[in-house]
């Protein structure tokens, strides 16, 4: 199994050291798997989509206009 090295803030390092009973590599592995599954689902949806870039732009503008109208009142 490949290894990955992460840089973390000192404050987080302190907390992890304080709770050495937890297998932090397993926590990180599960979080990465969760994110990877979301990316795979998104890739699958995009693969099957018939939307063009222009369609996405039009939809994006409509959504943002609706949100501006809803929250500016």
PDB file of N, CA and C in Angstrom:
ATOM      1  N   UNK A   1       0.855  -1.171   0.000  1.00  0.00           N
ATOM      2  CA  UNK A   1       0.000   0.000   0.000  1.00  0.00           C
ATOM      3  C   UNK A   1       0.902   1.235   0.000  1.00  0.00           C
ATOM      4  N   UNK A   2       0.634   2.189  -0.887  1.00  0.00           N
ATOM      5  CA  UNK A   2       1.434   3.422  -0.930  1.00  0.00           C
ATOM      6  C   UNK A   2       1.237   4.265   0.334  1.00  0.00           C
ATOM      7  N   UNK A   3       2.237   5.044   0.666  1.00  0.00           N
ATOM      8  CA  UNK A   3       2.167   5.972   1.794  1.00  0.00           C
ATOM      9  C   UNK A   3       1.963   7.388   1.291  1.00  0.00           C
ATOM     10  N   UNK A   4       1.281   8.202   2.087  1.00  0.00           N
ATOM     11  CA  UNK A   4       1.060   9.613   1.786  1.00  0.00           C
ATOM     12  C   UNK A   4       1.533  10.406   3.000  1.00  0.00           C
ATOM     13  N   UNK A   5       2.251  11.486   2.752  1.00  0.00           N
ATOM     14  CA  UNK A   5       2.689  12.364   3.831  1.00  0.00           C
ATOM     15  C   UNK A   5       1.875  13.636   3.780  1.00  0.00           C
ATOM     16  N   UNK A   6       1.355  14.053   4.921  1.00  0.00           N
ATOM     17  CA  UNK A   6       0.532  15.255   5.000  1.00  0.00           C
ATOM     18  C   UNK A   6       1.207  16.304   5.875  1.00  0.00           C
ATOM     19  N   UNK A   7       1.028  17.545   5.527  1.00  0.00           N
ATOM     20  CA  UNK A   7       1.428  18.649   6.386  1.00  0.00           C
ATOM     21  C   UNK A   7       0.178  19.140   7.099  1.00  0.00           C
ATOM     22  N   UNK A   8       0.278  19.289   8.412  1.00  0.00           N
ATOM     23  CA  UNK A   8      -0.868  19.738   9.199  1.00  0.00           C
ATOM     24  C   UNK A   8      -0.424  20.876  10.105  1.00  0.00           C
ATOM     25  N   UNK A   9      -1.361  21.737  10.502  1.00  0.00           N
ATOM     26  CA  UNK A   9      -1.021  22.830  11.419  1.00  0.00           C
ATOM     27  C   UNK A   9      -0.578  22.285  12.782  1.00  0.00           C
ATOM     28  N   UNK A  10       0.230  23.051  13.466  1.00  0.00           N
ATOM     29  CA  UNK A  10       0.728  22.646  14.784  1.00  0.00           C
ATOM     30  C   UNK A  10      -0.396  22.361  15.768  1.00  0.00           C
ATOM     31  N   UNK A  11      -1.440  23.180  15.748  1.00  0.00           N
ATOM     32  CA  UNK A  11      -2.568  22.989  16.668  1.00  0.00           C
ATOM     33  C   UNK A  11      -3.218  21.618  16.460  1.00  0.00           C
ATOM     34  N   UNK A  12      -3.401  21.235  15.199  1.00  0.00           N
ATOM     35  CA  UNK A  12      -3.981  19.925  14.898  1.00  0.00           C
ATOM     36  C   UNK A  12      -3.033  18.821  15.358  1.00  0.00           C
ATOM     37  N   UNK A  13      -1.753  18.991  15.119  1.00  0.00           N
ATOM     38  CA  UNK A  13      -0.761  18.001  15.541  1.00  0.00           C
ATOM     39  C   UNK A  13      -0.828  17.781  17.055  1.00  0.00           C
ATOM     40  N   UNK A  14      -0.964  18.845  17.800  1.00  0.00           N
ATOM     41  CA  UNK A  14      -1.076  18.761  19.256  1.00  0.00           C
ATOM     42  C   UNK A  14      -2.290  17.920  19.664  1.00  0.00           C
ATOM     43  N   UNK A  15      -3.425  18.159  19.017  1.00  0.00           N
ATOM     44  CA  UNK A  15      -4.650  17.419  19.333  1.00  0.00           C
ATOM     45  C   UNK A  15      -4.487  15.942  18.987  1.00  0.00           C
ATOM     46  N   UNK A  16      -3.891  15.659  17.829  1.00  0.00           N
ATOM     47  CA  UNK A  16      -3.695  14.264  17.426  1.00  0.00           C
ATOM     48  C   UNK A  16      -2.785  13.533  18.401  1.00  0.00           C
ATOM     49  N   UNK A  17      -1.721  14.185  18.824  1.00  0.00           N
ATOM     50  CA  UNK A  17      -0.791  13.585  19.784  1.00  0.00           C
ATOM     51  C   UNK A  17      -1.474  13.331  21.127  1.00  0.00           C
ATOM     52  N   UNK A  18      -2.348  14.249  21.516  1.00  0.00           N
ATOM     53  CA  UNK A  18      -3.058  14.131  22.782  1.00  0.00           C
ATOM     54  C   UNK A  18      -3.974  12.904  22.784  1.00  0.00           C
ATOM     55  N   UNK A  19      -4.466  12.524  21.604  1.00  0.00           N
ATOM     56  CA  UNK A  19      -5.379  11.383  21.470  1.00  0.00           C
ATOM     57  C   UNK A  19      -4.733  10.285  20.633  1.00  0.00           C
ATOM     58  N   UNK A  20      -3.620   9.803  21.117  1.00  0.00           N
ATOM     59  CA  UNK A  20      -2.857   8.790  20.379  1.00  0.00           C
ATOM     60  C   UNK A  20      -3.556   7.428  20.350  1.00  0.00           C
ATOM     61  N   UNK A  21      -4.606   7.265  21.140  1.00  0.00           N
ATOM     62  CA  UNK A  21      -5.349   6.006  21.132  1.00  0.00           C
ATOM     63  C   UNK A  21      -6.141   5.827  19.836  1.00  0.00           C
ATOM     64  N   UNK A  22      -6.322   6.902  19.106  1.00  0.00           N
ATOM     65  CA  UNK A  22      -7.074   6.862  17.839  1.00  0.00           C
ATOM     66  C   UNK A  22      -6.112   6.580  16.692  1.00  0.00           C
ATOM     67  N   UNK A  23      -6.535   5.710  15.783  1.00  0.00           N
ATOM     68  CA  UNK A  23      -5.726   5.402  14.593  1.00  0.00           C
ATOM     69  C   UNK A  23      -6.005   6.482  13.549  1.00  0.00           C
ATOM     70  N   UNK A  24      -5.227   7.545  13.604  1.00  0.00           N
ATOM     71  CA  UNK A  24      -5.462   8.705  12.741  1.00  0.00           C
ATOM     72  C   UNK A  24      -5.294   8.376  11.269  1.00  0.00           C
ATOM     73  N   UNK A  25      -4.439   7.433  10.956  1.00  0.00           N
ATOM     74  CA  UNK A  25      -4.290   7.056   9.543  1.00  0.00           C
ATOM     75  C   UNK A  25      -5.595   6.453   9.024  1.00  0.00           C
ATOM     76  N   UNK A  26      -6.301   5.715   9.876  1.00  0.00           N
ATOM     77  CA  UNK A  26      -7.589   5.138   9.475  1.00  0.00           C
ATOM     78  C   UNK A  26      -8.642   6.230   9.315  1.00  0.00           C
ATOM     79  N   UNK A  27      -8.639   7.202  10.201  1.00  0.00           N
ATOM     80  CA  UNK A  27      -9.570   8.335  10.090  1.00  0.00           C
ATOM     81  C   UNK A  27      -9.332   9.069   8.764  1.00  0.00           C
ATOM     82  N   UNK A  28      -8.071   9.323   8.456  1.00  0.00           N
ATOM     83  CA  UNK A  28      -7.728  10.017   7.211  1.00  0.00           C
ATOM     84  C   UNK A  28      -8.103   9.176   5.996  1.00  0.00           C
ATOM     85  N   UNK A  29      -7.835   7.870   6.061  1.00  0.00           N
ATOM     86  CA  UNK A  29      -8.164   6.977   4.945  1.00  0.00           C
ATOM     87  C   UNK A  29      -9.662   6.989   4.666  1.00  0.00           C
ATOM     88  N   UNK A  30     -10.479   6.919   5.723  1.00  0.00           N
ATOM     89  CA  UNK A  30     -11.941   6.937   5.541  1.00  0.00           C
ATOM     90  C   UNK A  30     -12.424   8.263   4.957  1.00  0.00           C
ATOM     91  N   UNK A  31     -11.856   9.360   5.434  1.00  0.00           N
ATOM     92  CA  UNK A  31     -12.243  10.681   4.904  1.00  0.00           C
ATOM     93  C   UNK A  31     -11.874  10.801   3.424  1.00  0.00           C
ATOM     94  N   UNK A  32     -10.706  10.284   3.074  1.00  0.00           N
ATOM     95  CA  UNK A  32     -10.292  10.346   1.662  1.00  0.00           C
ATOM     96  C   UNK A  32     -11.175   9.472   0.792  1.00  0.00           C
ATOM     97  N   UNK A  33     -11.547   8.290   1.287  1.00  0.00           N
ATOM     98  CA  UNK A  33     -12.448   7.434   0.531  1.00  0.00           C
ATOM     99  C   UNK A  33     -13.800   8.106   0.312  1.00  0.00           C
ATOM    100  N   UNK A  34     -14.307   8.743   1.354  1.00  0.00           N
ATOM    101  CA  UNK A  34     -15.593   9.435   1.243  1.00  0.00           C
ATOM    102  C   UNK A  34     -15.535  10.513   0.163  1.00  0.00           C
ATOM    103  N   UNK A  35     -14.472  11.292   0.175  1.00  0.00           N
ATOM    104  CA  UNK A  35     -14.324  12.343  -0.831  1.00  0.00           C
ATOM    105  C   UNK A  35     -14.142  11.741  -2.224  1.00  0.00           C
ATOM    106  N   UNK A  36     -13.364  10.657  -2.312  1.00  0.00           N
ATOM    107  CA  UNK A  36     -13.132  10.002  -3.609  1.00  0.00           C
ATOM    108  C   UNK A  36     -14.436   9.453  -4.181  1.00  0.00           C
ATOM    109  N   UNK A  37     -15.290   8.897  -3.325  1.00  0.00           N
ATOM    110  CA  UNK A  37     -16.585   8.383  -3.804  1.00  0.00           C
ATOM    111  C   UNK A  37     -17.466   9.508  -4.344  1.00  0.00           C
ATOM    112  N   UNK A  38     -17.437  10.646  -3.676  1.00  0.00           N
ATOM    113  CA  UNK A  38     -18.200  11.797  -4.172  1.00  0.00           C
ATOM    114  C   UNK A  38     -17.680  12.235  -5.532  1.00  0.00           C
ATOM    115  N   UNK A  39     -16.364  12.244  -5.692  1.00  0.00           N
ATOM    116  CA  UNK A  39     -15.780  12.627  -6.983  1.00  0.00           C
ATOM    117  C   UNK A  39     -16.149  11.622  -8.071  1.00  0.00           C
ATOM    118  N   UNK A  40     -16.131  10.335  -7.734  1.00  0.00           N
ATOM    119  CA  UNK A  40     -16.519   9.314  -8.704  1.00  0.00           C
ATOM    120  C   UNK A  40     -17.969   9.485  -9.132  1.00  0.00           C
ATOM    121  N   UNK A  41     -18.858   9.801  -8.174  1.00  0.00           N
ATOM    122  CA  UNK A  41     -20.261  10.013  -8.500  1.00  0.00           C
ATOM    123  C   UNK A  41     -20.405  11.219  -9.417  1.00  0.00           C
ATOM    124  N   UNK A  42     -19.674  12.283  -9.104  1.00  0.00           N
ATOM    125  CA  UNK A  42     -19.750  13.483  -9.930  1.00  0.00           C
ATOM    126  C   UNK A  42     -19.224  13.195 -11.337  1.00  0.00           C
ATOM    127  N   UNK A  43     -18.121  12.469 -11.425  1.00  0.00           N
ATOM    128  CA  UNK A  43     -17.575  12.106 -12.735  1.00  0.00           C
ATOM    129  C   UNK A  43     -18.582  11.299 -13.533  1.00  0.00           C
ATOM    130  N   UNK A  44     -19.273  10.380 -12.854  1.00  0.00           N
ATOM    131  CA  UNK A  44     -20.274   9.550 -13.514  1.00  0.00           C
ATOM    132  C   UNK A  44     -21.434  10.392 -14.042  1.00  0.00           C
ATOM    133  N   UNK A  45     -21.889  11.356 -13.230  1.00  0.00           N
ATOM    134  CA  UNK A  45     -22.977  12.229 -13.665  1.00  0.00           C
ATOM    135  C   UNK A  45     -22.571  13.091 -14.849  1.00  0.00           C
ATOM    136  N   UNK A  46     -21.371  13.623 -14.781  1.00  0.00           N
ATOM    137  CA  UNK A  46     -20.882  14.490 -15.866  1.00  0.00           C
ATOM    138  C   UNK A  46     -20.712  13.688 -17.146  1.00  0.00           C
ATOM    139  N   UNK A  47     -20.243  12.448 -17.022  1.00  0.00           N
ATOM    140  CA  UNK A  47     -20.038  11.576 -18.175  1.00  0.00           C
ATOM    141  C   UNK A  47     -21.334  11.361 -18.937  1.00  0.00           C
ATOM    142  N   UNK A  48     -22.438  11.235 -18.210  1.00  0.00           N
ATOM    143  CA  UNK A  48     -23.733  10.934 -18.814  1.00  0.00           C
ATOM    144  C   UNK A  48     -24.494  12.185 -19.233  1.00  0.00           C
ATOM    145  N   UNK A  49     -23.999  13.342 -18.870  1.00  0.00           N
ATOM    146  CA  UNK A  49     -24.711  14.585 -19.134  1.00  0.00           C
ATOM    147  C   UNK A  49     -24.634  14.979 -20.602  1.00  0.00           C
ATOM    148  N   UNK A  50     -25.732  15.552 -21.076  1.00  0.00           N
ATOM    149  CA  UNK A  50     -25.742  16.071 -22.447  1.00  0.00           C
ATOM    150  C   UNK A  50     -25.647  17.600 -22.452  1.00  0.00           C
ATOM    151  N   UNK A  51     -25.482  18.181 -21.263  1.00  0.00           N
ATOM    152  CA  UNK A  51     -25.351  19.632 -21.157  1.00  0.00           C
ATOM    153  C   UNK A  51     -24.069  20.088 -21.825  1.00  0.00           C
ATOM    154  N   UNK A  52     -24.166  21.216 -22.523  1.00  0.00           N
ATOM    155  CA  UNK A  52     -22.970  21.845 -23.063  1.00  0.00           C
ATOM    156  C   UNK A  52     -22.459  22.853 -22.033  1.00  0.00           C
ATOM    157  N   UNK A  53     -21.278  23.366 -22.261  1.00  0.00           N
ATOM    158  CA  UNK A  53     -20.725  24.380 -21.369  1.00  0.00           C
ATOM    159  C   UNK A  53     -21.652  25.598 -21.337  1.00  0.00           C
ATOM    160  N   UNK A  54     -22.218  25.942 -22.476  1.00  0.00           N
ATOM    161  CA  UNK A  54     -23.122  27.084 -22.560  1.00  0.00           C
ATOM    162  C   UNK A  54     -24.398  26.831 -21.748  1.00  0.00           C
ATOM    163  N   UNK A  55     -24.914  25.594 -21.790  1.00  0.00           N
ATOM    164  CA  UNK A  55     -26.093  25.241 -20.993  1.00  0.00           C
ATOM    165  C   UNK A  55     -25.817  25.443 -19.502  1.00  0.00           C
ATOM    166  N   UNK A  56     -24.658  25.035 -19.082  1.00  0.00           N
ATOM    167  CA  UNK A  56     -24.276  25.170 -17.680  1.00  0.00           C
ATOM    168  C   UNK A  56     -24.176  26.646 -17.298  1.00  0.00           C
ATOM    169  N   UNK A  57     -23.610  27.468 -18.165  1.00  0.00           N
ATOM    170  CA  UNK A  57     -23.489  28.906 -17.906  1.00  0.00           C
ATOM    171  C   UNK A  57     -24.868  29.549 -17.754  1.00  0.00           C
ATOM    172  N   UNK A  58     -25.793  29.207 -18.636  1.00  0.00           N
ATOM    173  CA  UNK A  58     -27.148  29.762 -18.576  1.00  0.00           C
ATOM    174  C   UNK A  58     -27.821  29.346 -17.270  1.00  0.00           C
ATOM    175  N   UNK A  59     -27.721  28.073 -16.913  1.00  0.00           N
ATOM    176  CA  UNK A  59     -28.314  27.579 -15.676  1.00  0.00           C
ATOM    177  C   UNK A  59     -27.671  28.254 -14.464  1.00  0.00           C
ATOM    178  N   UNK A  60     -26.361  28.421 -14.490  1.00  0.00           N
ATOM    179  CA  UNK A  60     -25.634  29.084 -13.409  1.00  0.00           C
ATOM    180  C   UNK A  60     -26.162  30.502 -13.198  1.00  0.00           C
ATOM    181  N   UNK A  61     -26.340  31.246 -14.274  1.00  0.00           N
ATOM    182  CA  UNK A  61     -26.839  32.628 -14.163  1.00  0.00           C
ATOM    183  C   UNK A  61     -28.274  32.669 -13.616  1.00  0.00           C
ATOM    184  N   UNK A  62     -29.102  31.722 -14.045  1.00  0.00           N
ATOM    185  CA  UNK A  62     -30.479  31.685 -13.554  1.00  0.00           C
ATOM    186  C   UNK A  62     -30.523  31.378 -12.063  1.00  0.00           C
ATOM    187  N   UNK A  63     -29.717  30.440 -11.626  1.00  0.00           N
ATOM    188  CA  UNK A  63     -29.680  30.085 -10.202  1.00  0.00           C
ATOM    189  C   UNK A  63     -29.190  31.255  -9.371  1.00  0.00           C
ATOM    190  N   UNK A  64     -28.116  31.892  -9.814  1.00  0.00           N
ATOM    191  CA  UNK A  64     -27.562  33.022  -9.062  1.00  0.00           C
ATOM    192  C   UNK A  64     -28.532  34.194  -9.028  1.00  0.00           C
ATOM    193  N   UNK A  65     -29.236  34.433 -10.116  1.00  0.00           N
ATOM    194  CA  UNK A  65     -30.221  35.521 -10.142  1.00  0.00           C
ATOM    195  C   UNK A  65     -31.349  35.227  -9.161  1.00  0.00           C
ATOM    196  N   UNK A  66     -31.786  33.988  -9.127  1.00  0.00           N
ATOM    197  CA  UNK A  66     -32.837  33.602  -8.192  1.00  0.00           C
ATOM    198  C   UNK A  66     -32.390  33.740  -6.738  1.00  0.00           C
ATOM    199  N   UNK A  67     -31.159  33.362  -6.460  1.00  0.00           N
ATOM    200  CA  UNK A  67     -30.633  33.504  -5.097  1.00  0.00           C
ATOM    201  C   UNK A  67     -30.493  34.964  -4.697  1.00  0.00           C
ATOM    202  N   UNK A  68     -30.018  35.784  -5.639  1.00  0.00           N
ATOM    203  CA  UNK A  68     -29.894  37.235  -5.333  1.00  0.00           C
ATOM    204  C   UNK A  68     -31.265  37.805  -5.017  1.00  0.00           C
ATOM    205  N   UNK A  69     -32.255  37.448  -5.822  1.00  0.00           N
ATOM    206  CA  UNK A  69     -33.605  37.959  -5.618  1.00  0.00           C
ATOM    207  C   UNK A  69     -34.154  37.489  -4.272  1.00  0.00           C
ATOM    208  N   UNK A  70     -33.923  36.243  -3.939  1.00  0.00           N
ATOM    209  CA  UNK A  70     -34.450  35.670  -2.691  1.00  0.00           C
ATOM    210  C   UNK A  70     -33.803  36.287  -1.458  1.00  0.00           C
ATOM    211  N   UNK A  71     -32.510  36.504  -1.474  1.00  0.00           N
ATOM    212  CA  UNK A  71     -31.816  36.939  -0.279  1.00  0.00           C
ATOM    213  C   UNK A  71     -31.566  38.447  -0.195  1.00  0.00           C
ATOM    214  N   UNK A  72     -31.883  39.193  -1.233  1.00  0.00           N
ATOM    215  CA  UNK A  72     -31.687  40.637  -1.170  1.00  0.00           C
ATOM    216  C   UNK A  72     -32.943  41.351  -0.701  1.00  0.00           C
ATOM    217  N   UNK A  73     -34.029  40.663  -0.628  1.00  0.00           N
ATOM    218  CA  UNK A  73     -35.293  41.285  -0.209  1.00  0.00           C
ATOM    219  C   UNK A  73     -35.416  41.404   1.273  1.00  0.00           C
TER     220      UNK A  73
END
